[in-house]
Amino acid sequence: MFISDNPDSYKRAKHIELDYDFTQEIVQGFRRVHQSIARDSATVFAWKGETLQEYWWCTERSLDWGPGGGPDLIVDDGGDATMLIHEGVKAEEEFAKSGKLPDPTSTDNTEFQIVLSIINEGLQSDPLKYHKMKDRLVGVSEETTTGVKRLYQMQANGSLLFPIRGNHRQRR
């Protein structure tokens, strides 16, 4: 979730580190927190009933706060933000080599078609957008067991682009 007191400017975004127990309290009180944030006119990139397209738009917006801005640590829940950056970097490398843009019609998976469309749009506006995100990140923390296992697999095979930082109190 990206929160800003000025919806037109991402420059004021601040990184806040939260411990696991505090994070869980927030997650458990998510509805109350959203109501408070919405009441105070902050930008929230999530809402009840969002479509799949809107969900991925929110995910991308939470990573791109404008020129030079964005998170330095991802607290991911399911690995979607991490996957978006990894797929974006892969597409940028292919684009730099061959000039080929990601093709959303190359997959039957509706959700991945949306992801490829978002990456495609990003490449057209900034061919290094996802590399810049990757370079800015000092790490990722994952909240789901499946996501944690996936991160450790990526780390083991050398494909993880940034370090794992504390995960859901999981052990390897």
N, C-alpha and C. Protein backbone atom coordinates (compact mmCIF):
# COMPACT_ATOMS: atom_id res chain seq x y z
N MET A 1 0.85 -1.17 0.00
CA MET A 1 0.00 0.00 0.00
C MET A 1 0.89 1.23 0.00
N PHE A 2 0.62 2.20 -0.85
CA PHE A 2 1.32 3.47 -0.89
C PHE A 2 0.40 4.51 -0.29
N ILE A 3 0.95 5.30 0.61
CA ILE A 3 0.15 6.34 1.25
C ILE A 3 0.86 7.66 1.07
N SER A 4 0.14 8.67 0.63
CA SER A 4 0.70 10.00 0.47
C SER A 4 -0.35 11.01 0.90
N ASP A 5 0.09 12.10 1.50
CA ASP A 5 -0.87 13.13 1.87
C ASP A 5 -1.22 14.02 0.69
N ASN A 6 -0.57 13.82 -0.43
CA ASN A 6 -0.84 14.58 -1.64
C ASN A 6 -0.96 13.61 -2.81
N PRO A 7 -2.18 13.33 -3.27
CA PRO A 7 -2.36 12.36 -4.34
C PRO A 7 -1.65 12.71 -5.64
N ASP A 8 -1.30 13.99 -5.84
CA ASP A 8 -0.67 14.40 -7.08
C ASP A 8 0.86 14.31 -7.03
N SER A 9 1.40 13.96 -5.90
CA SER A 9 2.86 13.93 -5.79
C SER A 9 3.29 12.71 -5.00
N TYR A 10 4.20 11.94 -5.59
CA TYR A 10 4.74 10.77 -4.92
C TYR A 10 6.06 11.09 -4.23
N LYS A 11 6.52 12.33 -4.35
CA LYS A 11 7.83 12.71 -3.84
C LYS A 11 7.92 12.65 -2.31
N ARG A 12 6.79 12.73 -1.63
CA ARG A 12 6.82 12.75 -0.18
C ARG A 12 6.74 11.37 0.45
N ALA A 13 6.72 10.35 -0.38
CA ALA A 13 6.57 8.98 0.14
C ALA A 13 7.71 8.66 1.10
N LYS A 14 7.39 8.05 2.19
CA LYS A 14 8.37 7.70 3.20
C LYS A 14 8.37 6.19 3.40
N HIS A 15 9.54 5.64 3.66
CA HIS A 15 9.65 4.22 3.96
C HIS A 15 9.48 4.06 5.46
N ILE A 16 8.62 3.17 5.86
CA ILE A 16 8.37 2.91 7.28
C ILE A 16 8.59 1.43 7.52
N GLU A 17 9.46 1.10 8.47
CA GLU A 17 9.67 -0.29 8.81
C GLU A 17 8.75 -0.64 9.97
N LEU A 18 8.07 -1.76 9.85
CA LEU A 18 7.17 -2.23 10.90
C LEU A 18 7.60 -3.61 11.33
N ASP A 19 7.48 -3.91 12.62
CA ASP A 19 7.81 -5.26 13.03
C ASP A 19 6.65 -6.20 12.72
N TYR A 20 6.91 -7.49 12.78
CA TYR A 20 5.93 -8.50 12.35
C TYR A 20 4.62 -8.39 13.13
N ASP A 21 4.68 -8.30 14.47
CA ASP A 21 3.46 -8.27 15.27
C ASP A 21 2.62 -7.03 14.95
N PHE A 22 3.29 -5.89 14.79
CA PHE A 22 2.56 -4.67 14.46
C PHE A 22 1.91 -4.79 13.09
N THR A 23 2.65 -5.38 12.15
CA THR A 23 2.10 -5.59 10.81
C THR A 23 0.86 -6.46 10.87
N GLN A 24 0.90 -7.52 11.67
CA GLN A 24 -0.26 -8.40 11.79
C GLN A 24 -1.46 -7.68 12.39
N GLU A 25 -1.20 -6.80 13.35
CA GLU A 25 -2.30 -6.00 13.93
C GLU A 25 -2.93 -5.13 12.85
N ILE A 26 -2.10 -4.56 11.98
CA ILE A 26 -2.62 -3.73 10.89
C ILE A 26 -3.45 -4.58 9.95
N VAL A 27 -2.90 -5.75 9.58
CA VAL A 27 -3.62 -6.62 8.65
C VAL A 27 -4.96 -7.02 9.24
N GLN A 28 -4.98 -7.37 10.53
CA GLN A 28 -6.23 -7.79 11.17
C GLN A 28 -7.23 -6.64 11.25
N GLY A 29 -6.74 -5.44 11.34
CA GLY A 29 -7.63 -4.29 11.41
C GLY A 29 -7.67 -3.52 10.10
N PHE A 30 -7.43 -4.23 8.99
CA PHE A 30 -7.30 -3.60 7.68
C PHE A 30 -8.49 -2.72 7.32
N ARG A 31 -9.68 -3.20 7.53
CA ARG A 31 -10.86 -2.44 7.15
C ARG A 31 -10.92 -1.11 7.92
N ARG A 32 -10.66 -1.17 9.21
CA ARG A 32 -10.69 0.04 10.04
C ARG A 32 -9.59 1.01 9.59
N VAL A 33 -8.42 0.46 9.28
CA VAL A 33 -7.30 1.28 8.83
C VAL A 33 -7.64 1.96 7.50
N HIS A 34 -8.20 1.18 6.55
CA HIS A 34 -8.58 1.76 5.27
C HIS A 34 -9.59 2.88 5.44
N GLN A 35 -10.55 2.67 6.32
CA GLN A 35 -11.55 3.72 6.55
C GLN A 35 -10.90 4.98 7.08
N SER A 36 -9.96 4.83 8.00
CA SER A 36 -9.28 5.99 8.57
C SER A 36 -8.44 6.70 7.51
N ILE A 37 -7.73 5.92 6.71
CA ILE A 37 -6.88 6.51 5.67
C ILE A 37 -7.74 7.23 4.64
N ALA A 38 -8.80 6.57 4.19
CA ALA A 38 -9.68 7.19 3.20
C ALA A 38 -10.32 8.47 3.76
N ARG A 39 -10.71 8.43 5.00
CA ARG A 39 -11.33 9.59 5.64
C ARG A 39 -10.37 10.78 5.64
N ASP A 40 -9.08 10.50 5.82
CA ASP A 40 -8.09 11.57 5.90
C ASP A 40 -7.52 11.96 4.54
N SER A 41 -8.15 11.50 3.45
CA SER A 41 -7.80 11.88 2.08
C SER A 41 -6.40 11.46 1.64
N ALA A 42 -5.91 10.34 2.12
CA ALA A 42 -4.61 9.84 1.66
C ALA A 42 -4.84 8.94 0.44
N THR A 43 -3.78 8.75 -0.33
CA THR A 43 -3.86 7.87 -1.49
C THR A 43 -3.67 6.43 -1.04
N VAL A 44 -4.61 5.59 -1.37
CA VAL A 44 -4.54 4.16 -1.05
C VAL A 44 -4.67 3.40 -2.36
N PHE A 45 -3.70 2.54 -2.64
CA PHE A 45 -3.75 1.77 -3.87
C PHE A 45 -4.34 0.40 -3.60
N ALA A 46 -5.55 0.37 -3.17
CA ALA A 46 -6.34 -0.86 -2.97
C ALA A 46 -7.73 -0.43 -2.56
N TRP A 47 -8.69 -1.21 -2.96
CA TRP A 47 -10.06 -0.96 -2.53
C TRP A 47 -10.88 -2.22 -2.69
N LYS A 48 -11.92 -2.30 -1.92
CA LYS A 48 -12.79 -3.47 -1.96
C LYS A 48 -13.47 -3.56 -3.33
N GLY A 49 -13.45 -4.74 -3.91
CA GLY A 49 -14.12 -4.97 -5.18
C GLY A 49 -13.33 -4.57 -6.41
N GLU A 50 -12.03 -4.28 -6.25
CA GLU A 50 -11.25 -3.89 -7.42
C GLU A 50 -11.19 -5.05 -8.41
N THR A 51 -11.12 -4.71 -9.69
CA THR A 51 -11.01 -5.73 -10.74
C THR A 51 -9.56 -6.22 -10.79
N LEU A 52 -9.32 -7.27 -11.55
CA LEU A 52 -7.98 -7.78 -11.72
C LEU A 52 -7.08 -6.73 -12.37
N GLN A 53 -7.60 -6.04 -13.36
CA GLN A 53 -6.86 -4.96 -14.02
C GLN A 53 -6.51 -3.87 -13.00
N GLU A 54 -7.47 -3.49 -12.17
CA GLU A 54 -7.23 -2.46 -11.15
C GLU A 54 -6.22 -2.94 -10.11
N TYR A 55 -6.30 -4.21 -9.74
CA TYR A 55 -5.35 -4.77 -8.77
C TYR A 55 -3.91 -4.61 -9.27
N TRP A 56 -3.68 -4.99 -10.52
CA TRP A 56 -2.32 -4.90 -11.06
C TRP A 56 -1.90 -3.45 -11.27
N TRP A 57 -2.84 -2.58 -11.61
CA TRP A 57 -2.52 -1.16 -11.69
C TRP A 57 -2.07 -0.67 -10.31
N CYS A 58 -2.79 -1.06 -9.27
CA CYS A 58 -2.43 -0.67 -7.90
C CYS A 58 -1.05 -1.20 -7.53
N THR A 59 -0.78 -2.45 -7.89
CA THR A 59 0.53 -3.04 -7.58
C THR A 59 1.64 -2.25 -8.25
N GLU A 60 1.46 -1.93 -9.52
CA GLU A 60 2.47 -1.16 -10.24
C GLU A 60 2.64 0.23 -9.66
N ARG A 61 1.54 0.89 -9.34
CA ARG A 61 1.61 2.24 -8.76
C ARG A 61 2.31 2.23 -7.41
N SER A 62 2.14 1.17 -6.64
CA SER A 62 2.79 1.11 -5.34
C SER A 62 4.31 0.98 -5.47
N LEU A 63 4.78 0.62 -6.64
CA LEU A 63 6.22 0.47 -6.87
C LEU A 63 6.83 1.66 -7.60
N ASP A 64 6.03 2.47 -8.25
CA ASP A 64 6.53 3.56 -9.08
C ASP A 64 5.92 4.87 -8.59
N TRP A 65 6.72 5.66 -7.89
CA TRP A 65 6.22 6.91 -7.31
C TRP A 65 6.64 8.11 -8.13
N GLY A 66 6.98 7.90 -9.36
CA GLY A 66 7.42 9.00 -10.21
C GLY A 66 8.93 8.99 -10.33
N PRO A 67 9.50 9.99 -11.02
CA PRO A 67 10.94 10.03 -11.26
C PRO A 67 11.76 9.91 -9.98
N GLY A 68 12.60 8.88 -9.93
CA GLY A 68 13.49 8.70 -8.79
C GLY A 68 12.83 8.20 -7.52
N GLY A 69 11.54 7.93 -7.56
CA GLY A 69 10.86 7.52 -6.34
C GLY A 69 10.41 6.09 -6.37
N GLY A 70 10.19 5.54 -5.20
CA GLY A 70 9.71 4.18 -5.07
C GLY A 70 10.23 3.56 -3.79
N PRO A 71 9.78 2.38 -3.49
CA PRO A 71 10.18 1.75 -2.24
C PRO A 71 11.63 1.28 -2.26
N ASP A 72 12.23 1.18 -1.07
CA ASP A 72 13.55 0.56 -0.98
C ASP A 72 13.44 -0.82 -0.35
N LEU A 73 12.26 -1.16 0.15
CA LEU A 73 12.00 -2.48 0.70
C LEU A 73 10.56 -2.85 0.37
N ILE A 74 10.34 -4.07 -0.10
CA ILE A 74 8.99 -4.54 -0.40
C ILE A 74 8.57 -5.50 0.70
N VAL A 75 7.41 -5.25 1.28
CA VAL A 75 6.77 -6.22 2.15
C VAL A 75 5.66 -6.81 1.29
N ASP A 76 5.96 -7.96 0.70
CA ASP A 76 5.08 -8.56 -0.29
C ASP A 76 4.16 -9.57 0.39
N ASP A 77 3.01 -9.76 -0.16
CA ASP A 77 2.05 -10.74 0.37
C ASP A 77 1.51 -11.54 -0.80
N GLY A 78 2.23 -12.59 -1.15
CA GLY A 78 1.86 -13.41 -2.28
C GLY A 78 2.86 -13.32 -3.41
N GLY A 79 3.78 -12.39 -3.33
CA GLY A 79 4.85 -12.30 -4.31
C GLY A 79 4.54 -11.54 -5.58
N ASP A 80 3.39 -10.87 -5.63
CA ASP A 80 3.01 -10.19 -6.87
C ASP A 80 3.94 -9.03 -7.22
N ALA A 81 4.29 -8.20 -6.26
CA ALA A 81 5.18 -7.07 -6.54
C ALA A 81 6.56 -7.58 -6.96
N THR A 82 7.03 -8.60 -6.27
CA THR A 82 8.33 -9.19 -6.61
C THR A 82 8.30 -9.76 -8.03
N MET A 83 7.23 -10.47 -8.36
CA MET A 83 7.10 -11.06 -9.69
C MET A 83 7.04 -9.98 -10.77
N LEU A 84 6.30 -8.90 -10.51
CA LEU A 84 6.18 -7.82 -11.49
C LEU A 84 7.56 -7.22 -11.80
N ILE A 85 8.36 -7.00 -10.79
CA ILE A 85 9.70 -6.43 -11.02
C ILE A 85 10.57 -7.42 -11.78
N HIS A 86 10.56 -8.69 -11.39
CA HIS A 86 11.38 -9.69 -12.08
C HIS A 86 10.97 -9.83 -13.56
N GLU A 87 9.67 -9.89 -13.81
CA GLU A 87 9.20 -9.99 -15.20
C GLU A 87 9.52 -8.71 -15.97
N GLY A 88 9.43 -7.56 -15.32
CA GLY A 88 9.76 -6.30 -15.95
C GLY A 88 11.23 -6.23 -16.35
N VAL A 89 12.11 -6.66 -15.44
CA VAL A 89 13.55 -6.66 -15.74
C VAL A 89 13.84 -7.60 -16.91
N LYS A 90 13.23 -8.78 -16.88
CA LYS A 90 13.42 -9.75 -17.96
C LYS A 90 12.96 -9.15 -19.31
N ALA A 91 11.83 -8.48 -19.31
CA ALA A 91 11.31 -7.87 -20.55
C ALA A 91 12.21 -6.73 -21.02
N GLU A 92 12.74 -5.94 -20.10
CA GLU A 92 13.64 -4.85 -20.48
C GLU A 92 14.92 -5.39 -21.12
N GLU A 93 15.43 -6.49 -20.57
CA GLU A 93 16.64 -7.07 -21.14
C GLU A 93 16.38 -7.60 -22.55
N GLU A 94 15.23 -8.22 -22.76
CA GLU A 94 14.86 -8.71 -24.10
C GLU A 94 14.66 -7.52 -25.05
N PHE A 95 14.02 -6.47 -24.56
CA PHE A 95 13.77 -5.29 -25.38
C PHE A 95 15.10 -4.63 -25.79
N ALA A 96 16.07 -4.56 -24.87
CA ALA A 96 17.37 -3.96 -25.17
C ALA A 96 18.12 -4.78 -26.21
N LYS A 97 17.96 -6.11 -26.14
CA LYS A 97 18.64 -7.00 -27.09
C LYS A 97 18.00 -7.01 -28.47
N SER A 98 16.68 -7.13 -28.49
CA SER A 98 16.00 -7.39 -29.77
C SER A 98 14.99 -6.32 -30.19
N GLY A 99 14.64 -5.40 -29.28
CA GLY A 99 13.62 -4.42 -29.59
C GLY A 99 12.20 -4.98 -29.44
N LYS A 100 12.09 -6.22 -28.99
CA LYS A 100 10.81 -6.90 -28.87
C LYS A 100 10.12 -6.53 -27.55
N LEU A 101 8.86 -6.10 -27.66
CA LEU A 101 8.05 -5.80 -26.49
C LEU A 101 7.31 -7.05 -26.03
N PRO A 102 6.98 -7.13 -24.74
CA PRO A 102 6.20 -8.28 -24.26
C PRO A 102 4.86 -8.35 -24.99
N ASP A 103 4.44 -9.55 -25.33
CA ASP A 103 3.20 -9.75 -26.07
C ASP A 103 2.16 -10.39 -25.16
N PRO A 104 1.16 -9.62 -24.71
CA PRO A 104 0.13 -10.18 -23.84
C PRO A 104 -0.63 -11.36 -24.45
N THR A 105 -0.67 -11.44 -25.79
CA THR A 105 -1.39 -12.55 -26.42
C THR A 105 -0.55 -13.84 -26.44
N SER A 106 0.68 -13.77 -25.90
CA SER A 106 1.55 -14.95 -25.90
C SER A 106 1.18 -15.95 -24.80
N THR A 107 0.20 -15.60 -23.97
CA THR A 107 -0.22 -16.48 -22.89
C THR A 107 -1.75 -16.57 -22.86
N ASP A 108 -2.25 -17.69 -22.37
CA ASP A 108 -3.70 -17.85 -22.17
C ASP A 108 -4.13 -17.39 -20.78
N ASN A 109 -3.15 -17.12 -19.92
CA ASN A 109 -3.43 -16.71 -18.54
C ASN A 109 -3.86 -15.24 -18.53
N THR A 110 -5.11 -15.00 -18.19
CA THR A 110 -5.67 -13.64 -18.21
C THR A 110 -4.89 -12.69 -17.31
N GLU A 111 -4.54 -13.16 -16.15
CA GLU A 111 -3.81 -12.30 -15.20
C GLU A 111 -2.43 -11.96 -15.74
N PHE A 112 -1.72 -12.93 -16.31
CA PHE A 112 -0.39 -12.65 -16.85
C PHE A 112 -0.48 -11.77 -18.09
N GLN A 113 -1.58 -11.82 -18.83
CA GLN A 113 -1.78 -10.90 -19.95
C GLN A 113 -1.80 -9.46 -19.43
N ILE A 114 -2.46 -9.25 -18.30
CA ILE A 114 -2.51 -7.91 -17.70
C ILE A 114 -1.12 -7.47 -17.27
N VAL A 115 -0.38 -8.37 -16.64
CA VAL A 115 0.98 -8.07 -16.20
C VAL A 115 1.84 -7.68 -17.40
N LEU A 116 1.78 -8.45 -18.46
CA LEU A 116 2.57 -8.14 -19.66
C LEU A 116 2.16 -6.82 -20.29
N SER A 117 0.88 -6.50 -20.25
CA SER A 117 0.40 -5.20 -20.77
C SER A 117 0.99 -4.05 -19.96
N ILE A 118 1.00 -4.19 -18.64
CA ILE A 118 1.56 -3.15 -17.77
C ILE A 118 3.05 -2.98 -18.04
N ILE A 119 3.75 -4.08 -18.16
CA ILE A 119 5.20 -4.02 -18.45
C ILE A 119 5.43 -3.39 -19.82
N ASN A 120 4.63 -3.77 -20.79
CA ASN A 120 4.72 -3.21 -22.14
C ASN A 120 4.58 -1.69 -22.11
N GLU A 121 3.58 -1.21 -21.41
CA GLU A 121 3.37 0.24 -21.29
C GLU A 121 4.57 0.91 -20.62
N GLY A 122 5.09 0.28 -19.58
CA GLY A 122 6.25 0.83 -18.87
C GLY A 122 7.48 0.91 -19.76
N LEU A 123 7.69 -0.11 -20.57
CA LEU A 123 8.84 -0.13 -21.48
C LEU A 123 8.77 1.01 -22.49
N GLN A 124 7.58 1.31 -22.94
CA GLN A 124 7.42 2.37 -23.94
C GLN A 124 7.68 3.75 -23.36
N SER A 125 7.42 3.92 -22.06
CA SER A 125 7.67 5.23 -21.44
C SER A 125 9.07 5.33 -20.84
N ASP A 126 9.63 4.21 -20.37
CA ASP A 126 10.97 4.20 -19.79
C ASP A 126 11.54 2.78 -19.91
N PRO A 127 12.46 2.57 -20.85
CA PRO A 127 12.97 1.22 -21.08
C PRO A 127 13.83 0.66 -19.96
N LEU A 128 14.06 1.44 -18.90
CA LEU A 128 14.81 0.96 -17.73
C LEU A 128 14.00 1.07 -16.44
N LYS A 129 12.72 1.24 -16.56
CA LYS A 129 11.84 1.45 -15.41
C LYS A 129 12.03 0.38 -14.33
N TYR A 130 11.98 -0.88 -14.72
CA TYR A 130 12.06 -1.97 -13.74
C TYR A 130 13.48 -2.20 -13.25
N HIS A 131 14.47 -1.89 -14.08
CA HIS A 131 15.86 -1.95 -13.61
C HIS A 131 16.08 -0.90 -12.51
N LYS A 132 15.50 0.27 -12.68
CA LYS A 132 15.62 1.32 -11.67
C LYS A 132 14.96 0.89 -10.36
N MET A 133 13.79 0.24 -10.48
CA MET A 133 13.13 -0.28 -9.28
C MET A 133 14.03 -1.30 -8.59
N LYS A 134 14.55 -2.24 -9.37
CA LYS A 134 15.41 -3.29 -8.83
C LYS A 134 16.63 -2.69 -8.14
N ASP A 135 17.26 -1.72 -8.78
CA ASP A 135 18.47 -1.11 -8.23
C ASP A 135 18.20 -0.35 -6.93
N ARG A 136 17.00 0.19 -6.78
CA ARG A 136 16.64 0.96 -5.60
C ARG A 136 16.36 0.05 -4.39
N LEU A 137 15.94 -1.19 -4.67
CA LEU A 137 15.51 -2.09 -3.60
C LEU A 137 16.69 -2.69 -2.83
N VAL A 138 16.56 -2.67 -1.51
CA VAL A 138 17.55 -3.35 -0.67
C VAL A 138 17.07 -4.74 -0.29
N GLY A 139 15.80 -5.03 -0.55
CA GLY A 139 15.33 -6.38 -0.25
C GLY A 139 13.82 -6.50 -0.29
N VAL A 140 13.39 -7.75 -0.05
CA VAL A 140 11.98 -8.10 -0.04
C VAL A 140 11.69 -8.97 1.17
N SER A 141 10.56 -8.73 1.76
CA SER A 141 10.04 -9.59 2.82
C SER A 141 8.72 -10.14 2.30
N GLU A 142 8.51 -11.42 2.47
CA GLU A 142 7.31 -12.08 1.95
C GLU A 142 6.50 -12.61 3.11
N GLU A 143 5.19 -12.52 2.99
CA GLU A 143 4.30 -12.91 4.07
C GLU A 143 3.67 -14.29 3.92
N THR A 144 3.65 -14.87 2.73
CA THR A 144 2.99 -16.17 2.57
C THR A 144 4.03 -17.29 2.53
N THR A 145 3.66 -18.44 3.01
CA THR A 145 4.56 -19.59 3.00
C THR A 145 4.96 -19.95 1.58
N THR A 146 4.00 -19.96 0.66
CA THR A 146 4.31 -20.27 -0.73
C THR A 146 5.28 -19.25 -1.31
N GLY A 147 5.03 -17.98 -1.03
CA GLY A 147 5.92 -16.93 -1.52
C GLY A 147 7.32 -17.04 -0.94
N VAL A 148 7.41 -17.38 0.34
CA VAL A 148 8.72 -17.54 0.99
C VAL A 148 9.48 -18.68 0.31
N LYS A 149 8.81 -19.78 0.07
CA LYS A 149 9.46 -20.92 -0.59
C LYS A 149 9.93 -20.53 -1.99
N ARG A 150 9.10 -19.79 -2.70
CA ARG A 150 9.45 -19.34 -4.05
C ARG A 150 10.69 -18.43 -4.01
N LEU A 151 10.75 -17.53 -3.04
CA LEU A 151 11.91 -16.65 -2.91
C LEU A 151 13.18 -17.44 -2.65
N TYR A 152 13.09 -18.42 -1.75
CA TYR A 152 14.27 -19.24 -1.46
C TYR A 152 14.70 -20.05 -2.67
N GLN A 153 13.74 -20.52 -3.48
CA GLN A 153 14.09 -21.24 -4.71
C GLN A 153 14.80 -20.29 -5.68
N MET A 154 14.27 -19.08 -5.81
CA MET A 154 14.90 -18.10 -6.70
C MET A 154 16.30 -17.75 -6.21
N GLN A 155 16.45 -17.63 -4.89
CA GLN A 155 17.76 -17.33 -4.33
C GLN A 155 18.73 -18.49 -4.62
N ALA A 156 18.26 -19.71 -4.46
CA ALA A 156 19.11 -20.89 -4.67
C ALA A 156 19.54 -21.02 -6.14
N ASN A 157 18.66 -20.68 -7.08
CA ASN A 157 19.03 -20.84 -8.50
C ASN A 157 19.63 -19.56 -9.09
N GLY A 158 19.83 -18.54 -8.25
CA GLY A 158 20.51 -17.33 -8.70
C GLY A 158 19.66 -16.34 -9.47
N SER A 159 18.33 -16.52 -9.47
CA SER A 159 17.49 -15.60 -10.24
C SER A 159 16.87 -14.48 -9.40
N LEU A 160 17.04 -14.51 -8.09
CA LEU A 160 16.49 -13.46 -7.24
C LEU A 160 17.32 -12.19 -7.41
N LEU A 161 16.67 -11.09 -7.74
CA LEU A 161 17.35 -9.85 -8.09
C LEU A 161 17.74 -8.98 -6.90
N PHE A 162 17.20 -9.27 -5.72
CA PHE A 162 17.52 -8.51 -4.53
C PHE A 162 17.40 -9.43 -3.32
N PRO A 163 18.04 -9.08 -2.21
CA PRO A 163 18.07 -9.99 -1.06
C PRO A 163 16.71 -10.18 -0.38
N ILE A 164 16.60 -11.29 0.30
CA ILE A 164 15.43 -11.57 1.15
C ILE A 164 15.73 -10.94 2.50
N ARG A 165 14.80 -10.20 3.02
CA ARG A 165 14.94 -9.56 4.33
C ARG A 165 13.81 -10.04 5.22
N GLY A 166 14.10 -10.85 6.22
CA GLY A 166 13.09 -11.31 7.18
C GLY A 166 11.77 -11.71 6.59
N ASN A 167 11.40 -12.96 6.77
CA ASN A 167 10.19 -13.48 6.16
C ASN A 167 9.28 -14.16 7.16
N HIS A 168 8.13 -13.66 7.36
CA HIS A 168 7.01 -14.34 8.01
C HIS A 168 7.43 -15.35 9.08
N ARG A 169 8.51 -15.07 9.76
CA ARG A 169 9.02 -15.97 10.79
C ARG A 169 9.19 -17.40 10.28
N GLN A 170 9.52 -17.51 9.01
CA GLN A 170 9.69 -18.82 8.38
C GLN A 170 11.12 -19.30 8.54
N ARG A 171 11.26 -20.58 8.55
CA ARG A 171 12.57 -21.22 8.53
C ARG A 171 12.69 -21.95 7.21
N ARG A 172 13.89 -22.04 6.71
CA ARG A 172 14.10 -22.79 5.47
C ARG A 172 13.86 -24.25 5.64
